[in-house]
């Protein structure tokens, strides 16, 4: 079976080069059936990671007539949360001897959804074929980057212009490699204003940034977009953190004068040694979590927001990480979210939540999904300010633990 499955996957990859997103479900099901994986369906997760929707290939959202499952409270949702492969006996008309499988579909460590398939067997070859098909499905879903159908399918409510810009600006919400894991989350997913995050890898350096533009409107989204673009432009020309922040400020002043500004934390992590460097441009301080026993605010003298020309000196600060350390970078909307009685979600609750949920029980990415669900629940489902979190874990010599 292993040889047949490998050959089928190669043919599927070759035949997919000119396929559209709408053609993928049929192609995947056809090639899966050739190796004993029957009635295969693909489900993708929505932006808020609350529901899994079937990719049928029909209709303007490529999901017409499809099934859906909640991420919380369903077996496919469990497979998604745990990034694993789960099975159940399919009785009734499916026959007593068939197995129904749910397999997490991940692009690297970015969770895209789940795959469903039926098999007559449950052995090592079957499980390997299921995992291989899920991996190939993730590669084929790269077509989502130019598909409006996919964009419609993963939305559960209308999106404003600022959020449209930000979602097209951001890198994937998950990354793992060179001893580091990165996860990110942004809310309100459909009504975003001026928050943004960025990360990138160059050789052994992981560049990180969290931005918060003044205001909560389309103009704030434009300003945040300019800040991120200027940051990338400077970084890609070899600028230091200090130089990068000054070049970002120059770009903002050139475009908007000194009437609008952006706060930010910019950082660089040497993934080989764990040495962290960062600067503070008027932003909430990053937090370091170690062994779930203590936390440390990474204090660094602020240079003031970028875009107002305060002329304050920019200080680059440093910290030596230990294997397993987690770095939290965030915007104030996370801790300042208030409930109906005016009580803030708060910094202590925020840090405690991450520590408890990521203490070996959940991945970085599942922890952040649950965190933002808790923040939204605290605020009755609607935030008054943007809330963004960028969580980085340095594994330091334990790269084998990076993938789920």
Protein backbone atom coordinates (compact mmCIF):
# COMPACT_ATOMS: atom_id res chain seq x y z
CA UNK A 1 0.00 0.00 0.00
CA UNK A 2 2.86 2.37 0.78
CA UNK A 3 4.19 2.29 -2.79
CA UNK A 4 0.71 2.77 -4.27
CA UNK A 5 0.04 5.70 -1.93
CA UNK A 6 3.33 7.39 -2.78
CA UNK A 7 2.71 7.02 -6.51
CA UNK A 8 -0.83 8.39 -6.15
CA UNK A 9 0.41 11.43 -4.25
CA UNK A 10 2.99 12.17 -6.94
CA UNK A 11 0.29 12.00 -9.61
CA UNK A 12 -1.99 14.21 -7.53
CA UNK A 13 0.76 16.81 -7.15
CA UNK A 14 1.57 16.75 -10.87
CA UNK A 15 -2.08 17.05 -11.93
CA UNK A 16 -2.76 19.90 -9.49
CA UNK A 17 -0.41 22.47 -11.01
CA UNK A 18 -3.11 24.12 -13.13
CA UNK A 19 -6.10 23.13 -10.98
CA UNK A 20 -8.27 25.73 -9.30
CA UNK A 21 -9.24 25.63 -5.64
CA UNK A 22 -12.74 24.53 -6.66
CA UNK A 23 -11.32 21.43 -8.37
CA UNK A 24 -9.28 20.25 -5.39
CA UNK A 25 -11.98 18.36 -3.42
CA UNK A 26 -12.79 16.11 -6.38
CA UNK A 27 -9.15 15.53 -7.24
CA UNK A 28 -8.20 14.68 -3.66
CA UNK A 29 -11.12 12.26 -3.30
CA UNK A 30 -10.28 10.53 -6.62
CA UNK A 31 -6.64 9.97 -5.81
CA UNK A 32 -7.40 8.96 -2.22
CA UNK A 33 -9.84 6.28 -3.41
CA UNK A 34 -7.07 4.74 -5.50
CA UNK A 35 -5.23 3.78 -2.29
CA UNK A 36 -8.22 2.70 -0.20
CA UNK A 37 -9.19 6.03 1.38
CA UNK A 38 -12.86 6.48 0.51
CA UNK A 39 -15.40 9.33 0.57
CA UNK A 40 -12.66 11.82 1.40
CA UNK A 41 -13.74 15.34 2.33
CA UNK A 42 -11.74 18.48 3.14
CA UNK A 43 -12.76 20.92 5.89
CA UNK A 44 -11.10 24.30 6.47
CA UNK A 45 -11.17 26.42 9.61
CA UNK A 46 -12.61 29.93 9.77
CA UNK A 47 -10.58 33.01 10.71
CA UNK A 48 -11.55 32.79 14.39
CA UNK A 49 -10.89 29.04 14.54
CA UNK A 50 -14.39 28.29 15.79
CA UNK A 51 -15.89 26.24 12.94
CA UNK A 52 -14.69 23.76 10.31
CA UNK A 53 -16.45 24.20 6.95
CA UNK A 54 -16.41 21.70 4.11
CA UNK A 55 -14.61 22.70 0.92
CA UNK A 56 -17.05 21.36 -1.68
CA UNK A 57 -15.85 23.33 -4.69
CA UNK A 58 -19.37 24.57 -5.41
CA UNK A 59 -20.79 28.08 -5.19
CA UNK A 60 -19.13 31.50 -4.74
CA UNK A 61 -17.49 30.36 -1.51
CA UNK A 62 -16.59 26.87 -2.80
CA UNK A 63 -18.54 25.52 0.16
CA UNK A 64 -22.12 25.33 -1.05
CA UNK A 65 -24.03 22.34 0.29
CA UNK A 66 -21.21 21.39 2.63
CA UNK A 67 -21.16 20.16 6.20
CA UNK A 68 -19.69 22.04 9.13
CA UNK A 69 -18.48 21.19 12.63
CA UNK A 70 -17.58 23.29 15.62
CA UNK A 71 -13.92 23.29 16.69
CA UNK A 72 -15.09 22.90 20.27
CA UNK A 73 -17.32 19.91 20.99
CA UNK A 74 -16.79 17.69 17.94
CA UNK A 75 -14.44 14.86 17.03
CA UNK A 76 -13.09 16.67 13.95
CA UNK A 77 -12.61 19.69 16.22
CA UNK A 78 -10.56 17.56 18.61
CA UNK A 79 -8.35 16.37 15.75
CA UNK A 80 -7.84 20.02 14.79
CA UNK A 81 -7.08 21.20 18.33
CA UNK A 82 -4.69 18.38 19.12
CA UNK A 83 -3.14 18.30 15.62
CA UNK A 84 -3.58 14.56 15.40
CA UNK A 85 -5.38 11.67 13.72
CA UNK A 86 -8.59 10.31 15.31
CA UNK A 87 -10.92 7.50 14.28
CA UNK A 88 -14.39 6.22 15.08
CA UNK A 89 -16.33 3.19 14.00
CA UNK A 90 -18.74 4.04 11.20
CA UNK A 91 -21.86 1.95 11.77
CA UNK A 92 -25.27 1.90 10.15
CA UNK A 93 -25.32 2.29 6.39
CA UNK A 94 -21.55 2.77 6.35
CA UNK A 95 -21.10 -0.84 7.43
CA UNK A 96 -19.84 -2.12 10.81
CA UNK A 97 -16.27 -2.71 9.66
CA UNK A 98 -15.49 0.73 8.26
CA UNK A 99 -13.38 3.29 10.09
CA UNK A 100 -14.07 7.01 9.82
CA UNK A 101 -10.92 9.10 10.22
CA UNK A 102 -10.32 12.75 11.03
CA UNK A 103 -6.84 14.05 10.29
CA UNK A 104 -5.46 17.52 11.02
CA UNK A 105 -4.29 19.38 7.91
CA UNK A 106 -1.29 21.61 8.64
CA UNK A 107 0.93 23.72 6.43
CA UNK A 108 4.15 23.48 8.40
CA UNK A 109 2.59 24.02 11.83
CA UNK A 110 -0.15 26.38 10.61
CA UNK A 111 -3.46 24.59 11.10
CA UNK A 112 -5.70 24.82 8.04
CA UNK A 113 -8.43 22.31 8.84
CA UNK A 114 -9.10 18.58 8.85
CA UNK A 115 -9.47 15.73 6.36
CA UNK A 116 -12.16 13.04 6.60
CA UNK A 117 -11.83 9.60 5.04
CA UNK A 118 -13.22 6.07 5.43
CA UNK A 119 -11.09 2.93 5.38
CA UNK A 120 -11.60 -0.81 5.73
CA UNK A 121 -8.39 -1.18 7.71
CA UNK A 122 -6.64 0.32 10.72
CA UNK A 123 -2.95 -0.41 10.51
CA UNK A 124 0.34 1.44 10.22
CA UNK A 125 0.13 1.71 6.42
CA UNK A 126 -3.39 3.15 6.62
CA UNK A 127 -2.39 5.77 9.15
CA UNK A 128 0.69 6.69 7.14
CA UNK A 129 -1.40 7.07 3.99
CA UNK A 130 -3.87 9.33 5.84
CA UNK A 131 -1.11 11.55 7.20
CA UNK A 132 0.59 11.73 3.80
CA UNK A 133 -2.67 12.72 2.13
CA UNK A 134 -3.27 15.41 4.77
CA UNK A 135 0.22 16.80 4.11
CA UNK A 136 -0.38 16.88 0.36
CA UNK A 137 -3.76 18.54 0.93
CA UNK A 138 -2.03 21.30 2.88
CA UNK A 139 0.36 21.89 -0.02
CA UNK A 140 -2.52 22.00 -2.51
CA UNK A 141 -4.35 24.53 -0.35
CA UNK A 142 -1.57 27.00 -1.14
CA UNK A 143 -3.98 27.98 -3.93
CA UNK A 144 -5.97 29.79 -1.23
CA UNK A 145 -3.60 32.75 -1.56
CA UNK A 146 -5.26 33.82 -4.82
CA UNK A 147 -8.76 32.49 -4.25
CA UNK A 148 -11.67 34.76 -3.34
CA UNK A 149 -13.74 31.61 -2.89
CA UNK A 150 -11.47 30.49 -0.04
CA UNK A 151 -11.55 33.97 1.52
CA UNK A 152 -15.37 33.82 1.56
CA UNK A 153 -15.42 30.28 2.92
CA UNK A 154 -13.32 31.08 5.99
CA UNK A 155 -15.35 34.16 6.97
CA UNK A 156 -18.42 34.03 9.15
CA UNK A 157 -19.29 37.75 9.03
CA UNK A 158 -18.54 40.83 6.88
CA UNK A 159 -15.03 42.31 7.07
CA UNK A 160 -14.07 45.99 7.08
CA UNK A 161 -11.44 47.51 4.78
CA UNK A 162 -8.80 47.85 7.51
CA UNK A 163 -9.07 44.17 8.42
CA UNK A 164 -8.89 43.25 4.72
CA UNK A 165 -5.58 45.10 4.49
CA UNK A 166 -4.17 43.61 7.66
CA UNK A 167 -5.00 39.99 6.86
CA UNK A 168 -3.31 40.39 3.48
CA UNK A 169 -0.28 41.98 5.13
CA UNK A 170 0.43 39.46 7.87
CA UNK A 171 2.62 36.35 7.60
CA UNK A 172 1.08 32.96 8.52
CA UNK A 173 -0.23 32.65 12.06
CA UNK A 174 2.20 29.84 12.85
CA UNK A 175 5.86 28.99 12.19
CA UNK A 176 8.36 26.43 13.46
CA UNK A 177 12.01 25.94 12.58
CA UNK A 178 15.61 26.39 13.78
CA UNK A 179 14.68 25.72 17.44
CA UNK A 180 11.87 28.30 17.55
CA UNK A 181 8.07 28.28 17.36
CA UNK A 182 5.96 31.36 16.63
CA UNK A 183 2.21 31.77 17.00
CA UNK A 184 0.03 34.83 16.50
CA UNK A 185 -3.59 35.87 16.88
CA UNK A 186 -5.47 39.10 16.09
CA UNK A 187 -8.94 40.32 17.06
CA UNK A 188 -11.46 41.61 16.18
CA UNK A 189 -10.84 39.47 13.12
CA UNK A 190 -13.43 41.23 10.97
CA UNK A 191 -13.34 44.79 12.33
CA UNK A 192 -9.64 45.38 12.86
CA UNK A 193 -8.11 48.84 13.01
CA UNK A 194 -4.43 49.60 13.58
CA UNK A 195 -2.86 46.46 15.07
CA UNK A 196 -0.32 44.41 13.12
CA UNK A 197 2.39 41.83 13.72
CA UNK A 198 5.30 40.61 11.66
CA UNK A 199 8.01 37.97 11.78
CA UNK A 200 10.60 36.69 9.33
CA UNK A 201 13.61 34.40 9.26
CA UNK A 202 17.04 35.22 7.81
CA UNK A 203 19.69 32.56 8.34
CA UNK A 204 19.60 31.94 12.12
CA UNK A 205 17.88 35.20 13.06
CA UNK A 206 14.17 35.39 13.81
CA UNK A 207 12.85 38.96 13.41
CA UNK A 208 9.74 39.84 15.42
CA UNK A 209 7.51 42.89 15.60
CA UNK A 210 4.18 44.00 17.08
CA UNK A 211 2.64 47.32 16.02
CA UNK A 212 -0.26 49.44 17.28
CA UNK A 213 -1.27 52.44 15.15
CA UNK A 214 -3.17 55.37 16.61
CA UNK A 215 -6.92 55.06 16.05
CA UNK A 216 -9.31 52.29 15.14
CA UNK A 217 -10.34 52.99 11.57
CA UNK A 218 -9.22 52.51 7.98
CA UNK A 219 -6.65 55.29 8.39
CA UNK A 220 -5.13 53.39 11.32
CA UNK A 221 -4.93 50.29 9.13
CA UNK A 222 -3.13 52.27 6.42
CA UNK A 223 -0.66 53.67 8.94
CA UNK A 224 0.04 50.22 10.38
CA UNK A 225 0.54 48.86 6.88
CA UNK A 226 3.08 51.58 6.08
CA UNK A 227 4.91 50.90 9.35
CA UNK A 228 5.18 47.16 8.66
CA UNK A 229 6.25 47.73 5.05
CA UNK A 230 8.89 50.26 6.10
CA UNK A 231 10.13 47.86 8.78
CA UNK A 232 10.49 45.04 6.27
CA UNK A 233 12.20 47.31 3.76
CA UNK A 234 14.77 48.46 6.31
CA UNK A 235 15.34 44.97 7.69
CA UNK A 236 15.89 43.52 4.23
CA UNK A 237 18.57 46.13 3.61
CA UNK A 238 20.46 44.98 6.70
CA UNK A 239 19.40 47.75 9.10
CA UNK A 240 19.82 47.23 12.84
CA UNK A 241 16.80 47.37 15.14
CA UNK A 242 17.57 50.97 16.03
CA UNK A 243 18.08 51.99 12.42
CA UNK A 244 14.92 50.15 11.42
CA UNK A 245 12.76 52.04 13.91
CA UNK A 246 14.17 55.37 12.74
CA UNK A 247 13.53 54.50 9.11
CA UNK A 248 9.97 53.51 9.99
CA UNK A 249 9.51 56.86 11.72
CA UNK A 250 10.89 58.68 8.67
CA UNK A 251 8.42 56.88 6.41
CA UNK A 252 5.49 57.71 8.68
CA UNK A 253 6.41 61.39 8.97
CA UNK A 254 6.93 61.64 5.23
CA UNK A 255 3.45 60.27 4.57
CA UNK A 256 1.39 61.59 7.48
CA UNK A 257 3.35 64.39 9.13
CA UNK A 258 3.42 64.12 12.92
CA UNK A 259 -0.33 63.81 13.40
CA UNK A 260 -0.45 59.98 13.52
CA UNK A 261 1.87 57.54 15.24
CA UNK A 262 2.62 53.87 15.79
CA UNK A 263 3.90 52.17 18.93
CA UNK A 264 5.91 48.99 18.49
CA UNK A 265 8.22 46.42 19.96
CA UNK A 266 10.85 45.20 17.51
CA UNK A 267 13.02 42.20 18.36
CA UNK A 268 15.60 39.83 16.91
CA UNK A 269 16.26 36.34 18.27
CA UNK A 270 19.46 34.43 17.50
CA UNK A 271 17.95 30.96 17.21
CA UNK A 272 21.34 29.28 17.59
CA UNK A 273 22.24 30.88 20.94
CA UNK A 274 18.93 32.17 22.34
CA UNK A 275 20.21 35.75 22.57
CA UNK A 276 17.30 38.17 22.28
CA UNK A 277 17.67 41.83 21.30
CA UNK A 278 14.78 44.30 21.29
CA UNK A 279 13.78 47.95 21.34
CA UNK A 280 10.73 49.68 22.79
CA UNK A 281 8.93 52.38 20.82
CA UNK A 282 6.31 53.36 23.37
CA UNK A 283 4.70 49.91 23.48
CA UNK A 284 3.68 47.54 26.33
CA UNK A 285 6.74 45.67 27.56
CA UNK A 286 7.31 42.11 26.35
CA UNK A 287 6.97 39.38 28.97
CA UNK A 288 9.24 36.37 29.41
CA UNK A 289 7.73 33.16 30.82
CA UNK A 290 10.12 30.57 32.24
CA UNK A 291 9.23 27.10 33.56
CA UNK A 292 5.69 28.29 34.38
CA UNK A 293 7.17 29.44 37.68
CA UNK A 294 7.98 33.08 37.10
CA UNK A 295 7.62 35.91 34.64
CA UNK A 296 9.83 38.83 33.79
CA UNK A 297 8.95 42.14 32.16
CA UNK A 298 11.72 42.80 29.66
CA UNK A 299 12.26 46.43 30.58
CA UNK A 300 13.87 48.71 28.04
CA UNK A 301 13.89 52.53 28.10
CA UNK A 302 11.15 53.67 25.68
CA UNK A 303 12.04 55.87 22.75
CA UNK A 304 8.48 57.06 22.25
CA UNK A 305 6.08 56.19 19.43
CA UNK A 306 7.25 56.25 15.84
CA UNK A 307 5.90 59.18 13.85
CA UNK A 308 5.92 62.05 16.36
CA UNK A 309 9.61 63.06 16.23
CA UNK A 310 10.19 63.20 19.99
CA UNK A 311 13.91 62.79 19.41
CA UNK A 312 14.40 60.41 22.34
CA UNK A 313 17.39 58.05 22.22
CA UNK A 314 16.66 54.51 21.06
CA UNK A 315 18.09 51.85 23.38
CA UNK A 316 18.70 48.29 22.24
CA UNK A 317 18.32 45.84 25.11
CA UNK A 318 19.31 42.20 25.44
CA UNK A 319 18.30 39.03 27.28
CA UNK A 320 19.71 35.50 27.23
CA UNK A 321 16.89 32.99 26.82
CA UNK A 322 16.90 29.49 28.25
CA UNK A 323 15.49 26.45 26.41
CA UNK A 324 11.71 26.44 26.78
CA UNK A 325 11.42 30.19 27.42
CA UNK A 326 8.36 31.87 25.92
CA UNK A 327 8.31 35.49 24.81
CA UNK A 328 4.97 37.32 24.85
CA UNK A 329 4.61 40.44 22.71
CA UNK A 330 1.17 42.01 22.63
CA UNK A 331 -0.94 45.14 22.22
CA UNK A 332 -2.85 46.79 25.05
CA UNK A 333 -6.23 45.68 23.69
CA UNK A 334 -5.59 42.22 25.15
CA UNK A 335 -5.26 43.28 28.77
CA UNK A 336 -7.60 46.29 28.61
CA UNK A 337 -10.65 44.39 27.35
CA UNK A 338 -13.45 45.08 29.86
CA UNK A 339 -16.50 43.09 30.85
CA UNK A 340 -20.00 44.50 31.40
CA UNK A 341 -18.97 45.70 34.88
CA UNK A 342 -15.91 47.54 33.58
CA UNK A 343 -13.36 45.03 34.86
CA UNK A 344 -10.27 44.58 32.67
CA UNK A 345 -9.11 41.18 31.48
CA UNK A 346 -5.80 42.29 32.97
CA UNK A 347 -2.14 41.50 32.57
CA UNK A 348 -2.00 38.92 35.36
CA UNK A 349 -4.92 36.93 33.99
CA UNK A 350 -3.41 37.13 30.49
CA UNK A 351 -0.03 35.77 31.58
CA UNK A 352 -1.56 33.15 33.88
CA UNK A 353 -3.80 31.92 31.07
CA UNK A 354 -0.87 31.41 28.69
CA UNK A 355 1.17 29.67 31.38
CA UNK A 356 -1.60 27.27 32.40
CA UNK A 357 -2.75 26.32 28.91
CA UNK A 358 0.72 25.96 27.43
CA UNK A 359 2.22 23.92 30.26
CA UNK A 360 2.69 20.83 28.10
CA UNK A 361 -1.02 20.35 27.38
CA UNK A 362 -1.50 22.49 24.28
CA UNK A 363 0.59 23.78 21.40
CA UNK A 364 1.50 27.45 21.12
CA UNK A 365 -1.20 27.88 18.50
CA UNK A 366 -3.98 26.14 20.43
CA UNK A 367 -3.08 28.17 23.52
CA UNK A 368 -3.52 31.40 21.56
CA UNK A 369 -6.83 30.23 20.08
CA UNK A 370 -8.18 29.56 23.55
CA UNK A 371 -6.72 32.80 24.91
CA UNK A 372 -8.48 34.97 22.37
CA UNK A 373 -11.73 33.08 22.86
CA UNK A 374 -11.44 33.89 26.58
CA UNK A 375 -10.71 37.57 25.88
CA UNK A 376 -13.71 37.82 23.55
CA UNK A 377 -15.93 36.03 26.06
CA UNK A 378 -14.80 38.46 28.77
CA UNK A 379 -15.87 41.32 26.49
CA UNK A 380 -19.19 39.71 25.47
CA UNK A 381 -17.89 38.85 22.02
CA UNK A 382 -16.95 42.35 20.81
CA UNK A 383 -13.74 44.26 21.50
CA UNK A 384 -13.53 48.05 21.62
CA UNK A 385 -9.84 47.97 20.71
CA UNK A 386 -7.64 45.69 18.64
CA UNK A 387 -5.97 42.83 20.50
CA UNK A 388 -2.87 41.14 19.09
CA UNK A 389 -0.52 38.56 20.61
CA UNK A 390 2.75 37.22 19.20
CA UNK A 391 4.05 34.24 21.21
CA UNK A 392 7.54 32.87 20.55
CA UNK A 393 9.06 29.80 22.17
CA UNK A 394 12.76 29.02 21.95
CA UNK A 395 13.45 25.29 22.19
CA UNK A 396 17.25 25.55 22.31
CA UNK A 397 18.54 22.22 21.03
CA UNK A 398 15.20 20.40 21.02
CA UNK A 399 14.12 21.06 17.45
CA UNK A 400 12.62 17.55 17.30
CA UNK A 401 9.76 18.90 19.41
CA UNK A 402 8.82 21.70 17.03
CA UNK A 403 6.26 19.85 14.96
CA UNK A 404 3.06 18.44 16.45
